[in-house]
Amino acid sequence: MNENTKQIVVMSATSVAGGVIGGVAGLFVLGPHILIPIGVVVGIAVGLSLSKRSRQA
């Protein structure tokens, strides 16, 4: 798999996971409409750092 494709897959997976975690947390805390976008942004940031770290190794 191409390195750029791998980066896109990792970032997509972590953004979906962040959105799901934000949605579940939003059911109990503030509301899903607030925490889902925050979870997606955090997921993208984590995915970007993971893909950069795997590229350096």
PDB file of N, CA and C in Angstrom:
ATOM      1  N   MET A   1       0.851  -1.176   0.000  1.00  0.00           N
ATOM      2  CA  MET A   1       0.000   0.000   0.000  1.00  0.00           C
ATOM      3  C   MET A   1       0.894   1.236   0.000  1.00  0.00           C
ATOM      4  N   ASN A   2       0.492   2.233  -0.746  1.00  0.00           N
ATOM      5  CA  ASN A   2       1.236   3.466  -0.836  1.00  0.00           C
ATOM      6  C   ASN A   2       1.262   4.170   0.526  1.00  0.00           C
ATOM      7  N   GLU A   3       2.315   4.919   0.805  1.00  0.00           N
ATOM      8  CA  GLU A   3       2.451   5.602   2.094  1.00  0.00           C
ATOM      9  C   GLU A   3       1.343   6.638   2.293  1.00  0.00           C
ATOM     10  N   ASN A   4       0.985   7.369   1.225  1.00  0.00           N
ATOM     11  CA  ASN A   4      -0.078   8.366   1.351  1.00  0.00           C
ATOM     12  C   ASN A   4      -1.429   7.703   1.590  1.00  0.00           C
ATOM     13  N   THR A   5      -1.661   6.581   0.946  1.00  0.00           N
ATOM     14  CA  THR A   5      -2.905   5.853   1.150  1.00  0.00           C
ATOM     15  C   THR A   5      -3.001   5.352   2.581  1.00  0.00           C
ATOM     16  N   LYS A   6      -1.892   4.871   3.117  1.00  0.00           N
ATOM     17  CA  LYS A   6      -1.874   4.393   4.494  1.00  0.00           C
ATOM     18  C   LYS A   6      -2.182   5.536   5.467  1.00  0.00           C
ATOM     19  N   GLN A   7      -1.637   6.724   5.180  1.00  0.00           N
ATOM     20  CA  GLN A   7      -1.893   7.880   6.027  1.00  0.00           C
ATOM     21  C   GLN A   7      -3.374   8.257   5.990  1.00  0.00           C
ATOM     22  N   ILE A   8      -3.987   8.213   4.819  1.00  0.00           N
ATOM     23  CA  ILE A   8      -5.406   8.544   4.699  1.00  0.00           C
ATOM     24  C   ILE A   8      -6.261   7.530   5.445  1.00  0.00           C
ATOM     25  N   VAL A   9      -5.896   6.257   5.358  1.00  0.00           N
ATOM     26  CA  VAL A   9      -6.662   5.208   6.044  1.00  0.00           C
ATOM     27  C   VAL A   9      -6.569   5.387   7.558  1.00  0.00           C
ATOM     28  N   VAL A  10      -5.366   5.664   8.061  1.00  0.00           N
ATOM     29  CA  VAL A  10      -5.185   5.840   9.509  1.00  0.00           C
ATOM     30  C   VAL A  10      -5.958   7.065   9.991  1.00  0.00           C
ATOM     31  N   MET A  11      -5.871   8.174   9.261  1.00  0.00           N
ATOM     32  CA  MET A  11      -6.570   9.384   9.679  1.00  0.00           C
ATOM     33  C   MET A  11      -8.083   9.212   9.606  1.00  0.00           C
ATOM     34  N   SER A  12      -8.569   8.497   8.610  1.00  0.00           N
ATOM     35  CA  SER A  12     -10.012   8.256   8.502  1.00  0.00           C
ATOM     36  C   SER A  12     -10.510   7.388   9.651  1.00  0.00           C
ATOM     37  N   ALA A  13      -9.763   6.336   9.940  1.00  0.00           N
ATOM     38  CA  ALA A  13     -10.171   5.437  11.022  1.00  0.00           C
ATOM     39  C   ALA A  13     -10.172   6.148  12.372  1.00  0.00           C
ATOM     40  N   THR A  14      -9.144   6.950  12.628  1.00  0.00           N
ATOM     41  CA  THR A  14      -9.098   7.636  13.918  1.00  0.00           C
ATOM     42  C   THR A  14     -10.142   8.749  14.006  1.00  0.00           C
ATOM     43  N   SER A  15     -10.473   9.384  12.882  1.00  0.00           N
ATOM     44  CA  SER A  15     -11.516  10.413  12.943  1.00  0.00           C
ATOM     45  C   SER A  15     -12.884   9.786  13.197  1.00  0.00           C
ATOM     46  N   VAL A  16     -13.151   8.631  12.591  1.00  0.00           N
ATOM     47  CA  VAL A  16     -14.414   7.930  12.854  1.00  0.00           C
ATOM     48  C   VAL A  16     -14.460   7.474  14.309  1.00  0.00           C
ATOM     49  N   ALA A  17     -13.352   6.928  14.797  1.00  0.00           N
ATOM     50  CA  ALA A  17     -13.314   6.487  16.196  1.00  0.00           C
ATOM     51  C   ALA A  17     -13.504   7.669  17.142  1.00  0.00           C
ATOM     52  N   GLY A  18     -12.868   8.794  16.830  1.00  0.00           N
ATOM     53  CA  GLY A  18     -13.043   9.988  17.662  1.00  0.00           C
ATOM     54  C   GLY A  18     -14.473  10.491  17.657  1.00  0.00           C
ATOM     55  N   GLY A  19     -15.125  10.440  16.497  1.00  0.00           N
ATOM     56  CA  GLY A  19     -16.525  10.848  16.423  1.00  0.00           C
ATOM     57  C   GLY A  19     -17.437   9.935  17.216  1.00  0.00           C
ATOM     58  N   VAL A  20     -17.179   8.640  17.155  1.00  0.00           N
ATOM     59  CA  VAL A  20     -17.991   7.688  17.916  1.00  0.00           C
ATOM     60  C   VAL A  20     -17.787   7.894  19.414  1.00  0.00           C
ATOM     61  N   ILE A  21     -16.538   8.055  19.818  1.00  0.00           N
ATOM     62  CA  ILE A  21     -16.260   8.288  21.244  1.00  0.00           C
ATOM     63  C   ILE A  21     -16.896   9.600  21.700  1.00  0.00           C
ATOM     64  N   GLY A  22     -16.780  10.641  20.862  1.00  0.00           N
ATOM     65  CA  GLY A  22     -17.414  11.914  21.201  1.00  0.00           C
ATOM     66  C   GLY A  22     -18.927  11.808  21.280  1.00  0.00           C
ATOM     67  N   GLY A  23     -19.519  11.032  20.381  1.00  0.00           N
ATOM     68  CA  GLY A  23     -20.968  10.848  20.414  1.00  0.00           C
ATOM     69  C   GLY A  23     -21.439  10.105  21.651  1.00  0.00           C
ATOM     70  N   VAL A  24     -20.710   9.066  22.015  1.00  0.00           N
ATOM     71  CA  VAL A  24     -21.084   8.299  23.212  1.00  0.00           C
ATOM     72  C   VAL A  24     -20.899   9.153  24.464  1.00  0.00           C
ATOM     73  N   ALA A  25     -19.784   9.887  24.523  1.00  0.00           N
ATOM     74  CA  ALA A  25     -19.575  10.776  25.671  1.00  0.00           C
ATOM     75  C   ALA A  25     -20.608  11.897  25.681  1.00  0.00           C
ATOM     76  N   GLY A  26     -21.009  12.350  24.501  1.00  0.00           N
ATOM     77  CA  GLY A  26     -22.005  13.411  24.417  1.00  0.00           C
ATOM     78  C   GLY A  26     -23.379  12.998  24.907  1.00  0.00           C
ATOM     79  N   LEU A  27     -23.664  11.717  24.857  1.00  0.00           N
ATOM     80  CA  LEU A  27     -24.947  11.252  25.367  1.00  0.00           C
ATOM     81  C   LEU A  27     -25.062  11.466  26.867  1.00  0.00           C
ATOM     82  N   PHE A  28     -23.934  11.504  27.560  1.00  0.00           N
ATOM     83  CA  PHE A  28     -23.950  11.600  29.013  1.00  0.00           C
ATOM     84  C   PHE A  28     -23.511  12.959  29.535  1.00  0.00           C
ATOM     85  N   VAL A  29     -22.795  13.776  28.730  1.00  0.00           N
ATOM     86  CA  VAL A  29     -22.218  15.009  29.266  1.00  0.00           C
ATOM     87  C   VAL A  29     -22.904  16.235  28.668  1.00  0.00           C
ATOM     88  N   LEU A  30     -22.412  16.758  27.575  1.00  0.00           N
ATOM     89  CA  LEU A  30     -22.907  18.018  27.021  1.00  0.00           C
ATOM     90  C   LEU A  30     -23.961  17.838  25.948  1.00  0.00           C
ATOM     91  N   GLY A  31     -23.766  16.883  25.113  1.00  0.00           N
ATOM     92  CA  GLY A  31     -24.658  16.647  23.990  1.00  0.00           C
ATOM     93  C   GLY A  31     -23.845  16.231  22.791  1.00  0.00           C
ATOM     94  N   PRO A  32     -24.361  15.289  22.023  1.00  0.00           N
ATOM     95  CA  PRO A  32     -23.605  14.795  20.868  1.00  0.00           C
ATOM     96  C   PRO A  32     -23.303  15.872  19.831  1.00  0.00           C
ATOM     97  N   HIS A  33     -24.188  16.865  19.698  1.00  0.00           N
ATOM     98  CA  HIS A  33     -23.967  17.898  18.697  1.00  0.00           C
ATOM     99  C   HIS A  33     -22.739  18.748  18.999  1.00  0.00           C
ATOM    100  N   ILE A  34     -22.265  18.727  20.225  1.00  0.00           N
ATOM    101  CA  ILE A  34     -21.055  19.471  20.595  1.00  0.00           C
ATOM    102  C   ILE A  34     -19.827  18.568  20.548  1.00  0.00           C
ATOM    103  N   LEU A  35     -19.935  17.363  21.070  1.00  0.00           N
ATOM    104  CA  LEU A  35     -18.755  16.524  21.249  1.00  0.00           C
ATOM    105  C   LEU A  35     -18.380  15.689  20.028  1.00  0.00           C
ATOM    106  N   ILE A  36     -19.311  15.441  19.104  1.00  0.00           N
ATOM    107  CA  ILE A  36     -18.940  14.675  17.910  1.00  0.00           C
ATOM    108  C   ILE A  36     -17.925  15.438  17.056  1.00  0.00           C
ATOM    109  N   PRO A  37     -18.146  16.727  16.734  1.00  0.00           N
ATOM    110  CA  PRO A  37     -17.121  17.435  15.947  1.00  0.00           C
ATOM    111  C   PRO A  37     -15.784  17.563  16.668  1.00  0.00           C
ATOM    112  N   ILE A  38     -15.833  17.742  17.977  1.00  0.00           N
ATOM    113  CA  ILE A  38     -14.580  17.814  18.746  1.00  0.00           C
ATOM    114  C   ILE A  38     -13.858  16.476  18.675  1.00  0.00           C
ATOM    115  N   GLY A  39     -14.586  15.386  18.791  1.00  0.00           N
ATOM    116  CA  GLY A  39     -13.984  14.055  18.701  1.00  0.00           C
ATOM    117  C   GLY A  39     -13.378  13.789  17.337  1.00  0.00           C
ATOM    118  N   VAL A  40     -14.033  14.268  16.278  1.00  0.00           N
ATOM    119  CA  VAL A  40     -13.502  14.071  14.927  1.00  0.00           C
ATOM    120  C   VAL A  40     -12.199  14.843  14.759  1.00  0.00           C
ATOM    121  N   VAL A  41     -12.151  16.083  15.233  1.00  0.00           N
ATOM    122  CA  VAL A  41     -10.931  16.892  15.117  1.00  0.00           C
ATOM    123  C   VAL A  41      -9.799  16.265  15.921  1.00  0.00           C
ATOM    124  N   VAL A  42     -10.091  15.803  17.118  1.00  0.00           N
ATOM    125  CA  VAL A  42      -9.060  15.145  17.931  1.00  0.00           C
ATOM    126  C   VAL A  42      -8.612  13.854  17.252  1.00  0.00           C
ATOM    127  N   GLY A  43      -9.541  13.114  16.673  1.00  0.00           N
ATOM    128  CA  GLY A  43      -9.183  11.890  15.961  1.00  0.00           C
ATOM    129  C   GLY A  43      -8.287  12.150  14.769  1.00  0.00           C
ATOM    130  N   ILE A  44      -8.554  13.226  14.020  1.00  0.00           N
ATOM    131  CA  ILE A  44      -7.695  13.580  12.884  1.00  0.00           C
ATOM    132  C   ILE A  44      -6.299  13.949  13.375  1.00  0.00           C
ATOM    133  N   ALA A  45      -6.223  14.703  14.458  1.00  0.00           N
ATOM    134  CA  ALA A  45      -4.913  15.090  14.995  1.00  0.00           C
ATOM    135  C   ALA A  45      -4.124  13.868  15.457  1.00  0.00           C
ATOM    136  N   VAL A  46      -4.790  12.948  16.126  1.00  0.00           N
ATOM    137  CA  VAL A  46      -4.109  11.726  16.581  1.00  0.00           C
ATOM    138  C   VAL A  46      -3.678  10.890  15.381  1.00  0.00           C
ATOM    139  N   GLY A  47      -4.542  10.770  14.387  1.00  0.00           N
ATOM    140  CA  GLY A  47      -4.190  10.004  13.191  1.00  0.00           C
ATOM    141  C   GLY A  47      -3.028  10.607  12.439  1.00  0.00           C
ATOM    142  N   LEU A  48      -2.971  11.941  12.372  1.00  0.00           N
ATOM    143  CA  LEU A  48      -1.855  12.596  11.701  1.00  0.00           C
ATOM    144  C   LEU A  48      -0.553  12.332  12.432  1.00  0.00           C
ATOM    145  N   SER A  49      -0.572  12.415  13.748  1.00  0.00           N
ATOM    146  CA  SER A  49       0.655  12.162  14.510  1.00  0.00           C
ATOM    147  C   SER A  49       1.069  10.697  14.439  1.00  0.00           C
ATOM    148  N   LEU A  50       0.107   9.778  14.423  1.00  0.00           N
ATOM    149  CA  LEU A  50       0.445   8.353  14.293  1.00  0.00           C
ATOM    150  C   LEU A  50       1.035   8.046  12.926  1.00  0.00           C
ATOM    151  N   SER A  51       0.473   8.638  11.887  1.00  0.00           N
ATOM    152  CA  SER A  51       0.983   8.347  10.545  1.00  0.00           C
ATOM    153  C   SER A  51       2.367   8.967  10.337  1.00  0.00           C
ATOM    154  N   LYS A  52       2.623  10.111  10.944  1.00  0.00           N
ATOM    155  CA  LYS A  52       3.955  10.710  10.845  1.00  0.00           C
ATOM    156  C   LYS A  52       4.961   9.889  11.635  1.00  0.00           C
ATOM    157  N   ARG A  53       4.546   9.371  12.782  1.00  0.00           N
ATOM    158  CA  ARG A  53       5.445   8.578  13.609  1.00  0.00           C
ATOM    159  C   ARG A  53       5.805   7.276  12.908  1.00  0.00           C
ATOM    160  N   SER A  54       4.834   6.640  12.256  1.00  0.00           N
ATOM    161  CA  SER A  54       5.113   5.379  11.565  1.00  0.00           C
ATOM    162  C   SER A  54       5.978   5.615  10.333  1.00  0.00           C
ATOM    163  N   ARG A  55       5.890   6.786   9.743  1.00  0.00           N
ATOM    164  CA  ARG A  55       6.712   7.095   8.576  1.00  0.00           C
ATOM    165  C   ARG A  55       8.172   7.293   8.991  1.00  0.00           C
ATOM    166  N   GLN A  56       8.411   7.833  10.191  1.00  0.00           N
ATOM    167  CA  GLN A  56       9.777   8.068  10.648  1.00  0.00           C
ATOM    168  C   GLN A  56      10.464   6.777  11.064  1.00  0.00           C
ATOM    169  N   ALA A  57       9.704   5.823  11.545  1.00  0.00           N
ATOM    170  CA  ALA A  57      10.294   4.570  12.042  1.00  0.00           C
ATOM    171  C   ALA A  57      10.762   3.676  10.926  1.00  0.00           C
TER     172      ALA A  57
END
